[in-house]
PDB file of N, CA and C in Angstrom:
ATOM      1  N   MET A   1       0.851  -1.167   0.000  1.00  0.00           N
ATOM      2  CA  MET A   1       0.000   0.000   0.000  1.00  0.00           C
ATOM      3  C   MET A   1       0.900   1.235   0.000  1.00  0.00           C
ATOM      4  N   SER A   2       0.551   2.203  -0.842  1.00  0.00           N
ATOM      5  CA  SER A   2       1.366   3.416  -0.937  1.00  0.00           C
ATOM      6  C   SER A   2       1.130   4.317   0.274  1.00  0.00           C
ATOM      7  N   ALA A   3       2.028   5.269   0.447  1.00  0.00           N
ATOM      8  CA  ALA A   3       1.914   6.217   1.564  1.00  0.00           C
ATOM      9  C   ALA A   3       0.625   7.018   1.464  1.00  0.00           C
ATOM     10  N   SER A   4       0.251   7.417   0.249  1.00  0.00           N
ATOM     11  CA  SER A   4      -0.982   8.202   0.093  1.00  0.00           C
ATOM     12  C   SER A   4      -2.212   7.361   0.407  1.00  0.00           C
ATOM     13  N   GLU A   5      -2.192   6.073   0.046  1.00  0.00           N
ATOM     14  CA  GLU A   5      -3.312   5.196   0.398  1.00  0.00           C
ATOM     15  C   GLU A   5      -3.402   5.025   1.908  1.00  0.00           C
ATOM     16  N   THR A   6      -2.255   4.913   2.561  1.00  0.00           N
ATOM     17  CA  THR A   6      -2.231   4.776   4.013  1.00  0.00           C
ATOM     18  C   THR A   6      -2.847   6.001   4.671  1.00  0.00           C
ATOM     19  N   VAL A   7      -2.503   7.195   4.184  1.00  0.00           N
ATOM     20  CA  VAL A   7      -3.059   8.432   4.735  1.00  0.00           C
ATOM     21  C   VAL A   7      -4.573   8.459   4.557  1.00  0.00           C
ATOM     22  N   VAL A   8      -5.044   8.044   3.393  1.00  0.00           N
ATOM     23  CA  VAL A   8      -6.487   8.025   3.134  1.00  0.00           C
ATOM     24  C   VAL A   8      -7.188   7.138   4.153  1.00  0.00           C
ATOM     25  N   PHE A   9      -6.688   5.926   4.347  1.00  0.00           N
ATOM     26  CA  PHE A   9      -7.342   4.997   5.270  1.00  0.00           C
ATOM     27  C   PHE A   9      -7.220   5.453   6.717  1.00  0.00           C
ATOM     28  N   GLU A  10      -6.075   5.976   7.106  1.00  0.00           N
ATOM     29  CA  GLU A  10      -5.917   6.473   8.476  1.00  0.00           C
ATOM     30  C   GLU A  10      -6.869   7.641   8.736  1.00  0.00           C
ATOM     31  N   THR A  11      -7.023   8.494   7.752  1.00  0.00           N
ATOM     32  CA  THR A  11      -7.913   9.647   7.905  1.00  0.00           C
ATOM     33  C   THR A  11      -9.365   9.198   8.030  1.00  0.00           C
ATOM     34  N   LEU A  12      -9.759   8.247   7.211  1.00  0.00           N
ATOM     35  CA  LEU A  12     -11.148   7.787   7.218  1.00  0.00           C
ATOM     36  C   LEU A  12     -11.463   6.827   8.356  1.00  0.00           C
ATOM     37  N   ALA A  13     -10.449   6.389   9.084  1.00  0.00           N
ATOM     38  CA  ALA A  13     -10.670   5.432  10.170  1.00  0.00           C
ATOM     39  C   ALA A  13     -11.477   6.030  11.318  1.00  0.00           C
ATOM     40  N   ASP A  14     -11.434   7.331  11.473  1.00  0.00           N
ATOM     41  CA  ASP A  14     -12.124   7.969  12.588  1.00  0.00           C
ATOM     42  C   ASP A  14     -13.594   8.247  12.241  1.00  0.00           C
ATOM     43  N   PRO A  15     -14.532   7.806  13.079  1.00  0.00           N
ATOM     44  CA  PRO A  15     -15.954   8.001  12.781  1.00  0.00           C
ATOM     45  C   PRO A  15     -16.381   9.467  12.756  1.00  0.00           C
ATOM     46  N   THR A  16     -15.746  10.311  13.554  1.00  0.00           N
ATOM     47  CA  THR A  16     -16.095  11.737  13.535  1.00  0.00           C
ATOM     48  C   THR A  16     -15.702  12.358  12.208  1.00  0.00           C
ATOM     49  N   ARG A  17     -14.524  11.999  11.700  1.00  0.00           N
ATOM     50  CA  ARG A  17     -14.112  12.540  10.399  1.00  0.00           C
ATOM     51  C   ARG A  17     -15.022  12.032   9.291  1.00  0.00           C
ATOM     52  N   ARG A  18     -15.438  10.771   9.381  1.00  0.00           N
ATOM     53  CA  ARG A  18     -16.375  10.261   8.367  1.00  0.00           C
ATOM     54  C   ARG A  18     -17.694  11.026   8.429  1.00  0.00           C
ATOM     55  N   ARG A  19     -18.143  11.344   9.626  1.00  0.00           N
ATOM     56  CA  ARG A  19     -19.391  12.114   9.772  1.00  0.00           C
ATOM     57  C   ARG A  19     -19.222  13.513   9.191  1.00  0.00           C
ATOM     58  N   LEU A  20     -18.100  14.160   9.444  1.00  0.00           N
ATOM     59  CA  LEU A  20     -17.847  15.486   8.863  1.00  0.00           C
ATOM     60  C   LEU A  20     -17.870  15.406   7.333  1.00  0.00           C
ATOM     61  N   ILE A  21     -17.275  14.362   6.791  1.00  0.00           N
ATOM     62  CA  ILE A  21     -17.270  14.176   5.338  1.00  0.00           C
ATOM     63  C   ILE A  21     -18.694  14.008   4.821  1.00  0.00           C
ATOM     64  N   GLU A  22     -19.494  13.228   5.533  1.00  0.00           N
ATOM     65  CA  GLU A  22     -20.895  13.044   5.127  1.00  0.00           C
ATOM     66  C   GLU A  22     -21.634  14.379   5.090  1.00  0.00           C
ATOM     67  N   VAL A  23     -21.427  15.198   6.113  1.00  0.00           N
ATOM     68  CA  VAL A  23     -22.099  16.499   6.177  1.00  0.00           C
ATOM     69  C   VAL A  23     -21.629  17.402   5.040  1.00  0.00           C
ATOM     70  N   MET A  24     -20.337  17.398   4.754  1.00  0.00           N
ATOM     71  CA  MET A  24     -19.813  18.255   3.687  1.00  0.00           C
ATOM     72  C   MET A  24     -20.142  17.716   2.295  1.00  0.00           C
ATOM     73  N   HIS A  25     -20.589  16.485   2.215  1.00  0.00           N
ATOM     74  CA  HIS A  25     -20.957  15.922   0.908  1.00  0.00           C
ATOM     75  C   HIS A  25     -22.060  16.754   0.254  1.00  0.00           C
ATOM     76  N   ASP A  26     -22.900  17.349   1.069  1.00  0.00           N
ATOM     77  CA  ASP A  26     -23.991  18.174   0.545  1.00  0.00           C
ATOM     78  C   ASP A  26     -23.542  19.567   0.138  1.00  0.00           C
ATOM     79  N   GLY A  27     -22.292  19.909   0.408  1.00  0.00           N
ATOM     80  CA  GLY A  27     -21.783  21.212   0.008  1.00  0.00           C
ATOM     81  C   GLY A  27     -20.936  21.857   1.089  1.00  0.00           C
ATOM     82  N   GLU A  28     -20.440  23.017   0.762  1.00  0.00           N
ATOM     83  CA  GLU A  28     -19.550  23.774   1.633  1.00  0.00           C
ATOM     84  C   GLU A  28     -20.245  24.100   2.961  1.00  0.00           C
ATOM     85  N   ARG A  29     -19.468  24.019   4.045  1.00  0.00           N
ATOM     86  CA  ARG A  29     -20.008  24.277   5.383  1.00  0.00           C
ATOM     87  C   ARG A  29     -19.018  25.107   6.194  1.00  0.00           C
ATOM     88  N   SER A  30     -19.575  25.936   7.080  1.00  0.00           N
ATOM     89  CA  SER A  30     -18.739  26.667   8.035  1.00  0.00           C
ATOM     90  C   SER A  30     -18.472  25.771   9.240  1.00  0.00           C
ATOM     91  N   VAL A  31     -17.491  26.150  10.035  1.00  0.00           N
ATOM     92  CA  VAL A  31     -17.177  25.375  11.236  1.00  0.00           C
ATOM     93  C   VAL A  31     -18.396  25.316  12.144  1.00  0.00           C
ATOM     94  N   SER A  32     -19.092  26.436  12.312  1.00  0.00           N
ATOM     95  CA  SER A  32     -20.261  26.444  13.210  1.00  0.00           C
ATOM     96  C   SER A  32     -21.359  25.512  12.690  1.00  0.00           C
ATOM     97  N   GLU A  33     -21.559  25.456  11.388  1.00  0.00           N
ATOM     98  CA  GLU A  33     -22.543  24.518  10.833  1.00  0.00           C
ATOM     99  C   GLU A  33     -22.127  23.072  11.103  1.00  0.00           C
ATOM    100  N   LEU A  34     -20.842  22.806  10.958  1.00  0.00           N
ATOM    101  CA  LEU A  34     -20.349  21.451  11.212  1.00  0.00           C
ATOM    102  C   LEU A  34     -20.486  21.076  12.680  1.00  0.00           C
ATOM    103  N   VAL A  35     -20.220  22.025  13.579  1.00  0.00           N
ATOM    104  CA  VAL A  35     -20.367  21.764  15.015  1.00  0.00           C
ATOM    105  C   VAL A  35     -21.814  21.366  15.309  1.00  0.00           C
ATOM    106  N   GLU A  36     -22.757  22.091  14.733  1.00  0.00           N
ATOM    107  CA  GLU A  36     -24.178  21.784  14.948  1.00  0.00           C
ATOM    108  C   GLU A  36     -24.544  20.397  14.430  1.00  0.00           C
ATOM    109  N   ARG A  37     -23.992  20.026  13.305  1.00  0.00           N
ATOM    110  CA  ARG A  37     -24.386  18.773  12.644  1.00  0.00           C
ATOM    111  C   ARG A  37     -23.744  17.536  13.253  1.00  0.00           C
ATOM    112  N   VAL A  38     -22.519  17.645  13.786  1.00  0.00           N
ATOM    113  CA  VAL A  38     -21.850  16.450  14.315  1.00  0.00           C
ATOM    114  C   VAL A  38     -21.924  16.365  15.831  1.00  0.00           C
ATOM    115  N   ASP A  39     -22.451  17.408  16.464  1.00  0.00           N
ATOM    116  CA  ASP A  39     -22.713  17.397  17.896  1.00  0.00           C
ATOM    117  C   ASP A  39     -21.468  17.124  18.747  1.00  0.00           C
ATOM    118  N   ILE A  40     -20.363  17.768  18.376  1.00  0.00           N
ATOM    119  CA  ILE A  40     -19.198  17.804  19.261  1.00  0.00           C
ATOM    120  C   ILE A  40     -18.758  19.257  19.357  1.00  0.00           C
ATOM    121  N   GLU A  41     -17.962  19.559  20.347  1.00  0.00           N
ATOM    122  CA  GLU A  41     -17.533  20.941  20.593  1.00  0.00           C
ATOM    123  C   GLU A  41     -16.641  21.449  19.461  1.00  0.00           C
ATOM    124  N   GLN A  42     -16.602  22.768  19.320  1.00  0.00           N
ATOM    125  CA  GLN A  42     -15.850  23.422  18.248  1.00  0.00           C
ATOM    126  C   GLN A  42     -14.371  23.038  18.234  1.00  0.00           C
ATOM    127  N   PRO A  43     -13.676  22.955  19.371  1.00  0.00           N
ATOM    128  CA  PRO A  43     -12.259  22.565  19.305  1.00  0.00           C
ATOM    129  C   PRO A  43     -12.063  21.167  18.697  1.00  0.00           C
ATOM    130  N   GLY A  44     -12.963  20.246  18.997  1.00  0.00           N
ATOM    131  CA  GLY A  44     -12.871  18.899  18.427  1.00  0.00           C
ATOM    132  C   GLY A  44     -13.105  18.907  16.931  1.00  0.00           C
ATOM    133  N   VAL A  45     -14.111  19.664  16.492  1.00  0.00           N
ATOM    134  CA  VAL A  45     -14.376  19.776  15.056  1.00  0.00           C
ATOM    135  C   VAL A  45     -13.181  20.394  14.354  1.00  0.00           C
ATOM    136  N   SER A  46     -12.631  21.459  14.942  1.00  0.00           N
ATOM    137  CA  SER A  46     -11.468  22.117  14.324  1.00  0.00           C
ATOM    138  C   SER A  46     -10.281  21.169  14.212  1.00  0.00           C
ATOM    139  N   ARG A  47     -10.065  20.354  15.240  1.00  0.00           N
ATOM    140  CA  ARG A  47      -8.959  19.388  15.211  1.00  0.00           C
ATOM    141  C   ARG A  47      -9.150  18.394  14.065  1.00  0.00           C
ATOM    142  N   HIS A  48     -10.369  17.866  13.929  1.00  0.00           N
ATOM    143  CA  HIS A  48     -10.634  16.905  12.850  1.00  0.00           C
ATOM    144  C   HIS A  48     -10.554  17.570  11.480  1.00  0.00           C
ATOM    145  N   LEU A  49     -11.004  18.815  11.372  1.00  0.00           N
ATOM    146  CA  LEU A  49     -10.895  19.532  10.100  1.00  0.00           C
ATOM    147  C   LEU A  49      -9.435  19.764   9.727  1.00  0.00           C
ATOM    148  N   ARG A  50      -8.597  20.030  10.713  1.00  0.00           N
ATOM    149  CA  ARG A  50      -7.158  20.207  10.452  1.00  0.00           C
ATOM    150  C   ARG A  50      -6.559  18.907   9.906  1.00  0.00           C
ATOM    151  N   ILE A  51      -6.948  17.784  10.489  1.00  0.00           N
ATOM    152  CA  ILE A  51      -6.464  16.478  10.011  1.00  0.00           C
ATOM    153  C   ILE A  51      -6.955  16.228   8.590  1.00  0.00           C
ATOM    154  N   LEU A  52      -8.232  16.511   8.338  1.00  0.00           N
ATOM    155  CA  LEU A  52      -8.782  16.339   6.979  1.00  0.00           C
ATOM    156  C   LEU A  52      -8.065  17.248   5.982  1.00  0.00           C
ATOM    157  N   ASN A  53      -7.765  18.460   6.396  1.00  0.00           N
ATOM    158  CA  ASN A  53      -7.056  19.399   5.527  1.00  0.00           C
ATOM    159  C   ASN A  53      -5.635  18.927   5.254  1.00  0.00           C
ATOM    160  N   ASP A  54      -4.932  18.499   6.302  1.00  0.00           N
ATOM    161  CA  ASP A  54      -3.552  18.011   6.139  1.00  0.00           C
ATOM    162  C   ASP A  54      -3.493  16.793   5.218  1.00  0.00           C
ATOM    163  N   ALA A  55      -4.535  15.971   5.241  1.00  0.00           N
ATOM    164  CA  ALA A  55      -4.583  14.776   4.405  1.00  0.00           C
ATOM    165  C   ALA A  55      -5.103  15.075   2.996  1.00  0.00           C
ATOM    166  N   GLY A  56      -5.485  16.319   2.738  1.00  0.00           N
ATOM    167  CA  GLY A  56      -5.923  16.706   1.397  1.00  0.00           C
ATOM    168  C   GLY A  56      -7.384  16.428   1.103  1.00  0.00           C
ATOM    169  N   PHE A  57      -8.189  16.173   2.128  1.00  0.00           N
ATOM    170  CA  PHE A  57      -9.598  15.865   1.912  1.00  0.00           C
ATOM    171  C   PHE A  57     -10.476  17.094   1.731  1.00  0.00           C
ATOM    172  N   VAL A  58     -10.040  18.236   2.263  1.00  0.00           N
ATOM    173  CA  VAL A  58     -10.900  19.418   2.221  1.00  0.00           C
ATOM    174  C   VAL A  58     -10.170  20.637   1.672  1.00  0.00           C
ATOM    175  N   ASN A  59     -10.967  21.533   1.115  1.00  0.00           N
ATOM    176  CA  ASN A  59     -10.519  22.879   0.766  1.00  0.00           C
ATOM    177  C   ASN A  59     -11.028  23.808   1.858  1.00  0.00           C
ATOM    178  N   VAL A  60     -10.256  24.839   2.146  1.00  0.00           N
ATOM    179  CA  VAL A  60     -10.650  25.833   3.141  1.00  0.00           C
ATOM    180  C   VAL A  60     -10.554  27.198   2.487  1.00  0.00           C
ATOM    181  N   ARG A  61     -11.578  28.001   2.701  1.00  0.00           N
ATOM    182  CA  ARG A  61     -11.512  29.373   2.201  1.00  0.00           C
ATOM    183  C   ARG A  61     -12.074  30.303   3.260  1.00  0.00           C
ATOM    184  N   ALA A  62     -11.530  31.501   3.280  1.00  0.00           N
ATOM    185  CA  ALA A  62     -12.008  32.510   4.220  1.00  0.00           C
ATOM    186  C   ALA A  62     -13.236  33.184   3.632  1.00  0.00           C
ATOM    187  N   ASP A  63     -14.227  33.409   4.496  1.00  0.00           N
ATOM    188  CA  ASP A  63     -15.430  34.158   4.127  1.00  0.00           C
ATOM    189  C   ASP A  63     -15.673  35.147   5.258  1.00  0.00           C
ATOM    190  N   GLY A  64     -14.985  36.283   5.166  1.00  0.00           N
ATOM    191  CA  GLY A  64     -14.998  37.217   6.291  1.00  0.00           C
ATOM    192  C   GLY A  64     -14.239  36.591   7.449  1.00  0.00           C
ATOM    193  N   ARG A  65     -14.909  36.478   8.592  1.00  0.00           N
ATOM    194  CA  ARG A  65     -14.276  35.870   9.764  1.00  0.00           C
ATOM    195  C   ARG A  65     -14.482  34.358   9.811  1.00  0.00           C
ATOM    196  N   ARG A  66     -15.321  33.861   8.950  1.00  0.00           N
ATOM    197  CA  ARG A  66     -15.606  32.421   8.955  1.00  0.00           C
ATOM    198  C   ARG A  66     -14.654  31.678   8.028  1.00  0.00           C
ATOM    199  N   ARG A  67     -14.465  30.414   8.335  1.00  0.00           N
ATOM    200  CA  ARG A  67     -13.723  29.497   7.469  1.00  0.00           C
ATOM    201  C   ARG A  67     -14.749  28.535   6.886  1.00  0.00           C
ATOM    202  N   MET A  68     -14.717  28.404   5.581  1.00  0.00           N
ATOM    203  CA  MET A  68     -15.657  27.530   4.883  1.00  0.00           C
ATOM    204  C   MET A  68     -14.894  26.298   4.392  1.00  0.00           C
ATOM    205  N   TYR A  69     -15.469  25.130   4.635  1.00  0.00           N
ATOM    206  CA  TYR A  69     -14.837  23.869   4.277  1.00  0.00           C
ATOM    207  C   TYR A  69     -15.674  23.146   3.237  1.00  0.00           C
ATOM    208  N   SER A  70     -14.983  22.576   2.257  1.00  0.00           N
ATOM    209  CA  SER A  70     -15.639  21.752   1.238  1.00  0.00           C
ATOM    210  C   SER A  70     -14.725  20.574   0.906  1.00  0.00           C
ATOM    211  N   LEU A  71     -15.313  19.547   0.350  1.00  0.00           N
ATOM    212  CA  LEU A  71     -14.549  18.336   0.027  1.00  0.00           C
ATOM    213  C   LEU A  71     -13.769  18.509  -1.267  1.00  0.00           C
ATOM    214  N   ARG A  72     -12.607  17.903  -1.312  1.00  0.00           N
ATOM    215  CA  ARG A  72     -11.806  17.813  -2.538  1.00  0.00           C
ATOM    216  C   ARG A  72     -12.046  16.431  -3.131  1.00  0.00           C
ATOM    217  N   PRO A  73     -12.142  16.297  -4.424  1.00  0.00           N
ATOM    218  CA  PRO A  73     -12.449  14.993  -5.021  1.00  0.00           C
ATOM    219  C   PRO A  73     -11.268  14.019  -5.082  1.00  0.00           C
ATOM    220  N   GLU A  74     -10.033  14.517  -5.106  1.00  0.00           N
ATOM    221  CA  GLU A  74      -8.877  13.655  -5.370  1.00  0.00           C
ATOM    222  C   GLU A  74      -8.731  12.469  -4.416  1.00  0.00           C
ATOM    223  N   PRO A  75      -8.818  12.651  -3.098  1.00  0.00           N
ATOM    224  CA  PRO A  75      -8.634  11.472  -2.238  1.00  0.00           C
ATOM    225  C   PRO A  75      -9.737  10.430  -2.435  1.00  0.00           C
ATOM    226  N   PHE A  76     -10.932  10.891  -2.763  1.00  0.00           N
ATOM    227  CA  PHE A  76     -12.031   9.961  -2.993  1.00  0.00           C
ATOM    228  C   PHE A  76     -11.852   9.219  -4.307  1.00  0.00           C
ATOM    229  N   GLU A  77     -11.261   9.893  -5.287  1.00  0.00           N
ATOM    230  CA  GLU A  77     -10.940   9.239  -6.554  1.00  0.00           C
ATOM    231  C   GLU A  77      -9.867   8.174  -6.340  1.00  0.00           C
ATOM    232  N   GLU A  78      -8.858   8.486  -5.508  1.00  0.00           N
ATOM    233  CA  GLU A  78      -7.823   7.495  -5.172  1.00  0.00           C
ATOM    234  C   GLU A  78      -8.436   6.274  -4.508  1.00  0.00           C
ATOM    235  N   LEU A  79      -9.327   6.529  -3.570  1.00  0.00           N
ATOM    236  CA  LEU A  79      -9.987   5.443  -2.857  1.00  0.00           C
ATOM    237  C   LEU A  79     -10.828   4.608  -3.812  1.00  0.00           C
ATOM    238  N   ALA A  80     -11.555   5.256  -4.700  1.00  0.00           N
ATOM    239  CA  ALA A  80     -12.373   4.535  -5.675  1.00  0.00           C
ATOM    240  C   ALA A  80     -11.500   3.676  -6.590  1.00  0.00           C
ATOM    241  N   GLU A  81     -10.346   4.207  -6.992  1.00  0.00           N
ATOM    242  CA  GLU A  81      -9.430   3.443  -7.841  1.00  0.00           C
ATOM    243  C   GLU A  81      -8.902   2.223  -7.097  1.00  0.00           C
ATOM    244  N   TRP A  82      -8.540   2.392  -5.845  1.00  0.00           N
ATOM    245  CA  TRP A  82      -8.059   1.273  -5.030  1.00  0.00           C
ATOM    246  C   TRP A  82      -9.151   0.215  -4.913  1.00  0.00           C
ATOM    247  N   MET A  83     -10.368   0.656  -4.653  1.00  0.00           N
ATOM    248  CA  MET A  83     -11.479  -0.291  -4.511  1.00  0.00           C
ATOM    249  C   MET A  83     -11.763  -1.011  -5.830  1.00  0.00           C
ATOM    250  N   ARG A  84     -11.698  -0.285  -6.953  1.00  0.00           N
ATOM    251  CA  ARG A  84     -11.919  -0.924  -8.268  1.00  0.00           C
ATOM    252  C   ARG A  84     -10.887  -2.007  -8.526  1.00  0.00           C
ATOM    253  N   ARG A  85      -9.649  -1.726  -8.161  1.00  0.00           N
ATOM    254  CA  ARG A  85      -8.578  -2.696  -8.381  1.00  0.00           C
ATOM    255  C   ARG A  85      -8.877  -3.988  -7.634  1.00  0.00           C
ATOM    256  N   TYR A  86      -9.250  -3.869  -6.378  1.00  0.00           N
ATOM    257  CA  TYR A  86      -9.530  -5.073  -5.594  1.00  0.00           C
ATOM    258  C   TYR A  86     -10.868  -5.697  -5.974  1.00  0.00           C
ATOM    259  N   ALA A  87     -11.828  -4.894  -6.314  1.00  0.00           N
ATOM    260  CA  ALA A  87     -13.118  -5.429  -6.753  1.00  0.00           C
ATOM    261  C   ALA A  87     -12.933  -6.240  -8.026  1.00  0.00           C
ATOM    262  N   HIS A  88     -12.084  -5.762  -8.934  1.00  0.00           N
ATOM    263  CA  HIS A  88     -11.817  -6.479 -10.181  1.00  0.00           C
ATOM    264  C   HIS A  88     -11.228  -7.861  -9.884  1.00  0.00           C
ATOM    265  N   GLU A  89     -10.296  -7.901  -8.935  1.00  0.00           N
ATOM    266  CA  GLU A  89      -9.702  -9.187  -8.565  1.00  0.00           C
ATOM    267  C   GLU A  89     -10.759 -10.122  -7.978  1.00  0.00           C
ATOM    268  N   GLU A  90     -11.663  -9.589  -7.172  1.00  0.00           N
ATOM    269  CA  GLU A  90     -12.713 -10.418  -6.579  1.00  0.00           C
ATOM    270  C   GLU A  90     -13.683 -10.910  -7.647  1.00  0.00           C
ATOM    271  N   VAL A  91     -14.000 -10.065  -8.604  1.00  0.00           N
ATOM    272  CA  VAL A  91     -14.889 -10.481  -9.699  1.00  0.00           C
ATOM    273  C   VAL A  91     -14.245 -11.620 -10.468  1.00  0.00           C
ATOM    274  N   ASP A  92     -12.946 -11.518 -10.731  1.00  0.00           N
ATOM    275  CA  ASP A  92     -12.237 -12.596 -11.426  1.00  0.00           C
ATOM    276  C   ASP A  92     -12.338 -13.906 -10.643  1.00  0.00           C
ATOM    277  N   ARG A  93     -12.156 -13.839  -9.335  1.00  0.00           N
ATOM    278  CA  ARG A  93     -12.246 -15.044  -8.507  1.00  0.00           C
ATOM    279  C   ARG A  93     -13.642 -15.645  -8.556  1.00  0.00           C
ATOM    280  N   VAL A  94     -14.644 -14.817  -8.455  1.00  0.00           N
ATOM    281  CA  VAL A  94     -16.024 -15.309  -8.493  1.00  0.00           C
ATOM    282  C   VAL A  94     -16.335 -15.914  -9.855  1.00  0.00           C
ATOM    283  N   GLU A  95     -15.863 -15.284 -10.919  1.00  0.00           N
ATOM    284  CA  GLU A  95     -16.091 -15.840 -12.260  1.00  0.00           C
ATOM    285  C   GLU A  95     -15.416 -17.197 -12.422  1.00  0.00           C
ATOM    286  N   ARG A  96     -14.195 -17.331 -11.885  1.00  0.00           N
ATOM    287  CA  ARG A  96     -13.518 -18.633 -11.961  1.00  0.00           C
ATOM    288  C   ARG A  96     -14.280 -19.686 -11.162  1.00  0.00           C
ATOM    289  N   LEU A  97     -14.790 -19.310 -10.002  1.00  0.00           N
ATOM    290  CA  LEU A  97     -15.579 -20.233  -9.194  1.00  0.00           C
ATOM    291  C   LEU A  97     -16.851 -20.627  -9.929  1.00  0.00           C
ATOM    292  N   ALA A  98     -17.528 -19.673 -10.537  1.00  0.00           N
ATOM    293  CA  ALA A  98     -18.750 -19.966 -11.278  1.00  0.00           C
ATOM    294  C   ALA A  98     -18.462 -20.918 -12.436  1.00  0.00           C
ATOM    295  N   THR A  99     -17.361 -20.707 -13.133  1.00  0.00           N
ATOM    296  CA  THR A  99     -16.975 -21.600 -14.233  1.00  0.00           C
ATOM    297  C   THR A  99     -16.707 -22.996 -13.708  1.00  0.00           C
ATOM    298  N   PHE A 100     -15.998 -23.108 -12.600  1.00  0.00           N
ATOM    299  CA  PHE A 100     -15.703 -24.404 -11.997  1.00  0.00           C
ATOM    300  C   PHE A 100     -16.991 -25.123 -11.617  1.00  0.00           C
ATOM    301  N   VAL A 101     -17.905 -24.418 -10.965  1.00  0.00           N
ATOM    302  CA  VAL A 101     -19.171 -25.027 -10.539  1.00  0.00           C
ATOM    303  C   VAL A 101     -19.981 -25.461 -11.752  1.00  0.00           C
ATOM    304  N   GLU A 102     -20.025 -24.615 -12.752  1.00  0.00           N
ATOM    305  CA  GLU A 102     -20.777 -24.937 -13.970  1.00  0.00           C
ATOM    306  C   GLU A 102     -20.191 -26.160 -14.671  1.00  0.00           C
ATOM    307  N   GLU A 103     -18.873 -26.205 -14.794  1.00  0.00           N
ATOM    308  CA  GLU A 103     -18.225 -27.355 -15.435  1.00  0.00           C
ATOM    309  C   GLU A 103     -18.435 -28.623 -14.612  1.00  0.00           C
ATOM    310  N   SER A 104     -18.377 -28.511 -13.291  1.00  0.00           N
ATOM    311  CA  SER A 104     -18.624 -29.675 -12.429  1.00  0.00           C
ATOM    312  C   SER A 104     -20.047 -30.169 -12.609  1.00  0.00           C
ATOM    313  N   HIS A 105     -20.969 -29.246 -12.687  1.00  0.00           N
ATOM    314  CA  HIS A 105     -22.376 -29.606 -12.876  1.00  0.00           C
ATOM    315  C   HIS A 105     -22.565 -30.280 -14.234  1.00  0.00           C
ATOM    316  N   ASP A 106     -21.919 -29.750 -15.272  1.00  0.00           N
ATOM    317  CA  ASP A 106     -22.012 -30.342 -16.615  1.00  0.00           C
ATOM    318  C   ASP A 106     -21.440 -31.759 -16.621  1.00  0.00           C
ATOM    319  N   ARG A 107     -20.320 -31.988 -15.921  1.00  0.00           N
ATOM    320  CA  ARG A 107     -19.731 -33.335 -15.855  1.00  0.00           C
ATOM    321  C   ARG A 107     -20.666 -34.301 -15.147  1.00  0.00           C
ATOM    322  N   GLU A 108     -21.333 -33.836 -14.094  1.00  0.00           N
ATOM    323  CA  GLU A 108     -22.296 -34.693 -13.393  1.00  0.00           C
ATOM    324  C   GLU A 108     -23.446 -35.064 -14.317  1.00  0.00           C
ATOM    325  N   ASP A 109     -23.937 -34.078 -15.063  1.00  0.00           N
ATOM    326  CA  ASP A 109     -25.027 -34.340 -15.996  1.00  0.00           C
ATOM    327  C   ASP A 109     -24.601 -35.361 -17.059  1.00  0.00           C
ATOM    328  N   ASP A 110     -23.361 -35.205 -17.565  1.00  0.00           N
ATOM    329  CA  ASP A 110     -22.853 -36.142 -18.563  1.00  0.00           C
ATOM    330  C   ASP A 110     -22.781 -37.549 -17.997  1.00  0.00           C
ATOM    331  N   ARG A 111     -22.320 -37.696 -16.763  1.00  0.00           N
ATOM    332  CA  ARG A 111     -22.233 -39.020 -16.127  1.00  0.00           C
ATOM    333  C   ARG A 111     -23.620 -39.616 -15.942  1.00  0.00           C
ATOM    334  N   GLU A 112     -24.587 -38.818 -15.545  1.00  0.00           N
ATOM    335  CA  GLU A 112     -25.940 -39.318 -15.359  1.00  0.00           C
ATOM    336  C   GLU A 112     -26.552 -39.752 -16.693  1.00  0.00           C
ATOM    337  N   ASN A 113     -26.248 -39.019 -17.755  1.00  0.00           N
ATOM    338  CA  ASN A 113     -26.773 -39.368 -19.081  1.00  0.00           C
ATOM    339  C   ASN A 113     -26.123 -40.623 -19.637  1.00  0.00           C
ATOM    340  N   ASP A 114     -24.871 -40.888 -19.234  1.00  0.00           N
ATOM    341  CA  ASP A 114     -24.158 -42.073 -19.702  1.00  0.00           C
ATOM    342  C   ASP A 114     -24.668 -43.338 -19.040  1.00  0.00           C
ATOM    343  N   GLN A 115     -25.351 -43.220 -17.920  1.00  0.00           N
ATOM    344  CA  GLN A 115     -25.785 -44.406 -17.173  1.00  0.00           C
ATOM    345  C   GLN A 115     -27.040 -44.955 -17.705  1.00  0.00           C
TER     346      GLN A 115
END
């Protein structure tokens, strides 16, 4: 696993960060909006937002005195690519199993017809 993949998984391992991501999925949010939605104190939300920012998951922009947070697509694209790679391998395994079962079933049918 690459260093960037490790960062993605470590970042997403925390349930509070996953909840923040879910809330921001609907669009840009201020820290106060996020505090209301995830029901933890502002210092905790800020700490998790800093981790998300350091890992490249969010964009931050100033809006007067407020900080607005939104999701960046790149880490999610990396995650989707990783999942596709492993999903493809699993599909191959299932297809091989299905072929084996089908061929076994066909051989049984042939034996029954020969009797």
